Protein backbone atom coordinates (compact mmCIF):
# COMPACT_ATOMS: atom_id res chain seq x y z
CA MET A 1 10.10 36.97 58.17
CA LEU A 2 11.07 35.30 61.54
CA LEU A 3 14.76 35.83 60.68
CA ARG A 4 14.27 39.55 60.14
CA ARG A 5 12.39 39.80 63.41
CA ILE A 6 15.12 38.00 65.29
CA THR A 7 17.75 40.26 63.73
CA LYS A 8 15.72 43.37 64.76
CA HIS A 9 15.35 42.12 68.34
CA VAL A 10 19.10 41.56 68.45
CA LYS A 11 19.73 45.12 67.26
CA ASP A 12 17.33 46.44 69.87
CA GLN A 13 18.97 44.17 72.34
CA ASN A 14 15.51 42.82 73.32
CA TRP A 15 16.87 39.58 74.66
CA PHE A 16 13.56 38.39 75.98
CA ALA A 17 11.98 38.64 72.56
CA VAL A 18 15.14 36.91 71.04
CA SER A 19 14.58 34.05 73.58
CA ILE A 20 10.97 33.72 72.59
CA ASP A 21 11.80 33.75 68.90
CA PHE A 22 14.57 31.11 69.48
CA PHE A 23 12.16 28.96 71.46
CA ILE A 24 9.64 29.18 68.62
CA VAL A 25 12.31 27.95 66.13
CA VAL A 26 13.43 25.13 68.37
CA ILE A 27 9.76 24.05 68.93
CA GLY A 28 9.05 24.25 65.25
CA VAL A 29 11.99 22.09 64.21
CA PHE A 30 11.20 19.61 66.91
CA ILE A 31 7.55 19.33 65.80
CA GLY A 32 8.67 18.95 62.20
CA ILE A 33 11.01 16.12 63.05
CA GLN A 34 8.32 14.43 65.16
CA VAL A 35 5.78 14.75 62.37
CA ALA A 36 8.28 13.28 59.90
CA ASN A 37 9.09 10.39 62.24
CA TRP A 38 5.39 9.80 62.79
CA ASN A 39 4.81 9.74 59.07
CA ASP A 40 7.64 7.34 58.61
CA ALA A 41 6.37 5.05 61.43
CA ARG A 42 2.83 5.15 59.90
CA THR A 43 4.30 4.24 56.45
CA ASN A 44 6.32 1.38 57.95
CA GLU A 45 3.44 0.12 59.83
CA TYR A 46 1.26 0.15 56.81
CA ARG A 47 3.88 -1.53 54.75
CA GLN A 48 4.40 -4.22 57.44
CA SER A 49 0.64 -4.80 57.67
CA GLU A 50 0.51 -5.15 53.86
CA ILE A 51 3.34 -7.69 53.92
CA LEU A 52 1.93 -9.79 56.61
CA GLU A 53 -1.44 -9.88 54.89
CA THR A 54 0.16 -11.16 51.70
CA ILE A 55 2.19 -13.78 53.66
CA TYR A 56 -1.02 -14.77 55.35
CA ASP A 57 -2.81 -15.47 52.09
CA GLU A 58 0.17 -17.35 50.79
CA LEU A 59 0.31 -19.45 53.94
CA GLN A 60 -3.37 -20.49 53.54
CA GLU A 61 -2.58 -21.50 49.91
CA ASP A 62 0.44 -23.45 51.22
CA ARG A 63 -1.66 -25.37 53.72
CA VAL A 64 -4.06 -26.49 50.83
CA GLU A 65 -0.94 -27.76 49.06
CA PHE A 66 0.39 -29.50 52.09
CA ASN A 67 -2.92 -31.29 52.86
CA THR A 68 -2.97 -32.68 49.27
CA GLY A 69 0.62 -33.86 49.70
CA LYS A 70 -0.25 -35.41 53.01
CA GLU A 71 -3.17 -37.36 51.48
CA ALA A 72 -1.09 -38.57 48.59
CA ALA A 73 1.78 -39.72 50.88
CA VAL A 74 -0.69 -41.57 53.10
CA ALA A 75 -2.29 -43.19 50.03
CA THR A 76 1.22 -44.33 48.92
CA ILE A 77 2.05 -45.70 52.39
CA SER A 78 -1.43 -47.51 52.52
CA SER A 79 -1.07 -49.04 49.03
CA ALA A 80 2.48 -50.22 49.55
CA SER A 81 1.64 -51.72 52.91
CA TYR A 82 -1.38 -53.53 51.46
CA VAL A 83 0.72 -54.99 48.63
CA LEU A 84 3.69 -56.02 50.84
CA GLU A 85 1.34 -57.68 53.38
CA ALA A 86 -0.57 -59.53 50.64
CA ALA A 87 2.74 -60.76 49.26
CA GLY A 88 3.73 -62.08 52.65
CA VAL A 89 6.34 -59.40 53.42
CA ASP A 90 6.75 -58.41 57.09
CA ILE A 91 6.43 -54.72 57.53
CA SER A 92 7.20 -52.49 60.51
CA ASP A 93 5.05 -49.74 61.96
CA LYS A 94 8.10 -47.50 62.26
CA LEU A 95 11.27 -46.45 60.49
CA VAL A 96 14.59 -46.72 62.28
CA MET A 97 17.01 -43.82 61.36
CA PRO A 98 20.72 -44.44 61.41
CA VAL A 99 21.32 -41.68 63.92
CA SER A 100 19.70 -41.04 67.28
CA LYS A 101 18.72 -37.41 66.62
CA ILE A 102 18.25 -35.21 63.57
CA PRO A 103 17.76 -31.58 64.72
CA ASP A 104 16.96 -30.30 61.25
CA LEU A 105 13.96 -32.72 61.05
CA ALA A 106 12.82 -32.00 64.56
CA LEU A 107 13.52 -35.62 65.45
CA SER A 108 14.12 -36.26 69.13
CA SER A 109 14.80 -40.01 68.54
CA ASN A 110 15.68 -42.35 65.68
CA TYR A 111 12.17 -43.81 65.40
CA ILE A 112 9.70 -42.41 62.95
CA PRO A 113 6.21 -43.84 63.37
CA ILE A 114 4.55 -44.93 60.15
CA ALA A 115 1.02 -43.50 59.58
CA LYS A 116 -1.75 -46.06 59.98
CA PRO A 117 -2.87 -47.15 56.60
CA ILE A 118 -6.21 -46.03 55.37
CA THR A 119 -8.92 -48.51 54.12
CA LEU A 120 -8.63 -48.92 50.36
CA SER A 121 -11.73 -48.93 48.24
CA GLU A 122 -12.16 -51.45 45.61
CA ASP A 123 -11.46 -49.00 42.86
CA HIS A 124 -8.20 -48.03 44.64
CA LYS A 125 -7.17 -51.66 44.72
CA GLN A 126 -7.35 -51.66 40.98
CA ARG A 127 -4.82 -48.85 40.89
CA LEU A 128 -2.31 -49.98 43.57
CA TRP A 129 0.83 -49.52 41.39
CA THR A 130 -0.26 -46.04 40.38
CA SER A 131 -0.73 -45.09 44.04
CA ILE A 132 2.64 -46.38 44.90
CA VAL A 133 4.63 -44.61 42.18
CA VAL A 134 2.58 -41.47 41.35
CA ALA A 135 3.26 -38.91 44.07
CA TYR A 136 2.19 -35.32 44.75
CA TYR A 137 4.89 -32.78 45.49
CA PRO A 138 3.45 -29.73 47.23
CA THR A 139 4.99 -26.38 46.26
CA ALA A 140 4.84 -23.77 48.86
CA ASN A 141 4.14 -20.31 47.55
CA ALA A 142 6.76 -18.57 49.65
CA THR A 143 7.12 -15.76 47.11
CA THR A 144 6.78 -12.85 49.62
CA ILE A 145 8.93 -14.51 52.24
CA ASP A 146 11.71 -15.30 49.85
CA ALA A 147 11.61 -11.74 48.48
CA LEU A 148 11.61 -10.24 52.03
CA ILE A 149 14.57 -12.30 53.16
CA GLY A 150 16.42 -12.17 49.89
CA ALA A 151 16.33 -8.33 49.97
CA GLY A 152 17.51 -8.29 53.63
CA ASN A 153 14.19 -6.60 54.75
CA LEU A 154 13.15 -9.14 57.34
CA ASP A 155 13.59 -6.43 59.98
CA MET A 156 10.59 -4.68 58.55
CA ILE A 157 8.69 -7.28 60.63
CA THR A 158 8.90 -5.70 64.10
CA ASN A 159 7.61 -8.67 66.03
CA LYS A 160 10.58 -10.77 66.98
CA ALA A 161 8.62 -14.06 67.34
CA VAL A 162 6.93 -13.67 63.97
CA ARG A 163 10.28 -12.70 62.34
CA GLN A 164 11.91 -15.75 63.74
CA ASN A 165 9.06 -18.05 62.69
CA ILE A 166 9.05 -16.62 59.18
CA GLN A 167 12.76 -17.68 58.91
CA GLU A 168 12.06 -21.12 60.35
CA TYR A 169 9.21 -21.71 58.05
CA ARG A 170 11.38 -20.69 55.00
CA ASN A 171 14.06 -23.16 56.19
CA THR A 172 11.53 -26.00 56.51
CA VAL A 173 10.09 -25.26 53.00
CA ILE A 174 13.67 -25.31 51.59
CA ALA A 175 14.29 -28.60 53.21
CA LEU A 176 11.05 -29.95 51.71
CA ARG A 177 11.85 -28.63 48.22
CA ALA A 178 15.35 -30.12 48.32
CA SER A 179 14.13 -33.50 49.64
CA GLN A 180 11.59 -33.71 46.89
CA ALA A 181 13.94 -32.60 44.12
CA ASP A 182 16.90 -34.65 45.19
CA THR A 183 15.52 -37.76 46.80
CA ILE A 184 11.77 -38.41 46.63
CA LYS A 185 11.59 -37.84 42.80
CA ALA A 186 14.74 -39.82 42.25
CA PHE A 187 13.45 -42.99 43.94
CA ARG A 188 10.05 -42.48 42.11
CA THR A 189 12.00 -42.48 38.84
CA ILE A 190 13.70 -45.79 39.81
CA ALA A 191 10.32 -47.27 40.77
CA VAL A 192 8.62 -46.21 37.53
CA SER A 193 11.49 -47.73 35.55
CA ALA A 194 11.33 -51.00 37.54
CA GLY A 195 7.57 -51.20 36.93
CA GLN A 196 7.88 -50.43 33.14
CA GLU A 197 10.38 -53.29 32.83
CA ARG A 198 7.69 -55.64 34.09
CA GLY A 199 4.89 -54.24 32.06
CA PHE A 200 3.41 -51.88 34.59
CA PRO A 201 3.17 -48.31 33.37
CA PRO A 202 2.73 -45.49 35.97
CA PHE A 203 -1.08 -45.43 35.51
CA TYR A 204 -1.46 -49.14 35.40
CA ARG A 205 -4.98 -50.42 36.29
CA GLY A 206 -5.86 -54.02 36.61
CA SER A 207 -6.97 -56.81 38.90
CA GLU A 208 -5.66 -56.66 42.46
CA GLN A 209 -5.21 -60.35 42.60
CA LYS A 210 -3.36 -60.63 39.25
CA PHE A 211 -1.07 -57.66 40.11
CA ILE A 212 -0.02 -59.22 43.53
CA GLN A 213 0.40 -62.68 41.97
CA ARG A 214 2.79 -61.23 39.32
CA ILE A 215 5.00 -59.52 41.92
CA ILE A 216 4.79 -62.05 44.84
CA ASP A 217 8.13 -63.69 43.81
CA ASP A 218 9.77 -60.63 42.35
CA GLU A 219 12.13 -59.65 45.15
CA HIS A 220 13.47 -56.64 43.28
CA LEU A 221 9.96 -55.13 42.67
CA LEU A 222 8.97 -55.88 46.29
CA ALA A 223 12.10 -54.04 47.44
CA VAL A 224 11.23 -51.14 45.23
CA ILE A 225 7.68 -50.97 46.73
CA ALA A 226 9.13 -51.19 50.26
CA THR A 227 11.42 -48.32 49.42
CA GLN A 228 8.61 -46.25 48.06
CA ARG A 229 6.72 -46.89 51.35
CA GLU A 230 9.63 -45.81 53.45
CA TYR A 231 10.31 -42.63 51.50
CA ALA A 232 6.71 -41.80 51.52
CA VAL A 233 6.86 -41.90 55.32
CA LEU A 234 9.79 -39.44 55.30
CA HIS A 235 8.05 -37.17 52.70
CA LEU A 236 4.90 -37.20 54.94
CA MET A 237 6.93 -36.21 57.92
CA LEU A 238 8.54 -33.20 56.04
CA ILE A 239 5.21 -32.08 54.77
CA GLU A 240 3.62 -32.29 58.30
CA LEU A 241 6.54 -30.21 59.67
CA ALA A 242 6.02 -27.53 57.08
CA ASP A 243 2.27 -27.52 57.60
CA GLU A 244 2.73 -27.19 61.39
CA ASP A 245 5.08 -24.21 60.82
CA ALA A 246 2.53 -22.53 58.50
CA LYS A 247 -0.21 -23.22 60.96
CA GLU A 248 1.70 -21.57 63.77
CA LEU A 249 2.74 -18.63 61.64
CA LEU A 250 -0.76 -18.03 60.56
CA ALA A 251 -1.94 -17.95 64.12
CA GLN A 252 0.70 -15.45 65.02
CA ILE A 253 -0.14 -13.14 62.19
CA ARG A 254 -3.90 -13.46 62.91
CA ALA A 255 -3.14 -12.35 66.51
CA LEU A 256 -1.45 -9.20 65.29
CA ARG A 257 -4.51 -8.06 63.29
């Protein structure tokens, strides 16, 4: 209808009417484009909000996992420290790394402080070997983050700082996963085997005094226990790094709500 009207105005050489009709067409097209853009923006905003809410829920679950992992690592450190001291072995309150800085682990020096041991209950003292060799490996539920980055859709998150911290958190989680799979579990397997050779199954329960008396002159088993303590320190540090990243990312997402 508008086209026929424009044609008629051209035939009549009513240029003013032609200008009005042309203006109407341009405005209509402009408004149509703006409405489409607005709808796209609203859809993207809703989708981003949905993704961030899912990530938020997963991060809360991750922090529960990390807290359990931290408790288990501290228990290992405490049990190993208790046994080594009781056996007369000198232990340090820090680990000395072979290099001065490890950027990937956020270390600014080659010293890693060892967490202060917790006080062991009498029941815990009956399960010293179990606490030393049975660990907890927290599994971060980074499903949404993995899918987002894997599909190349991280740009859907418009906030640059949040986008950057999502990537950093994923890197930290990957480092934790790799450490647990390639190192922590490997040394646990060695420790379990050493204990079994001496009659200590992983869930051994027995007198504290008898246990310490049996290992006090066993240099190999004492070295195994010391190794478990040291790698529990490293494990704890990695879990704490992941937990701190999760905590910061949660705060950022909460601020966007």
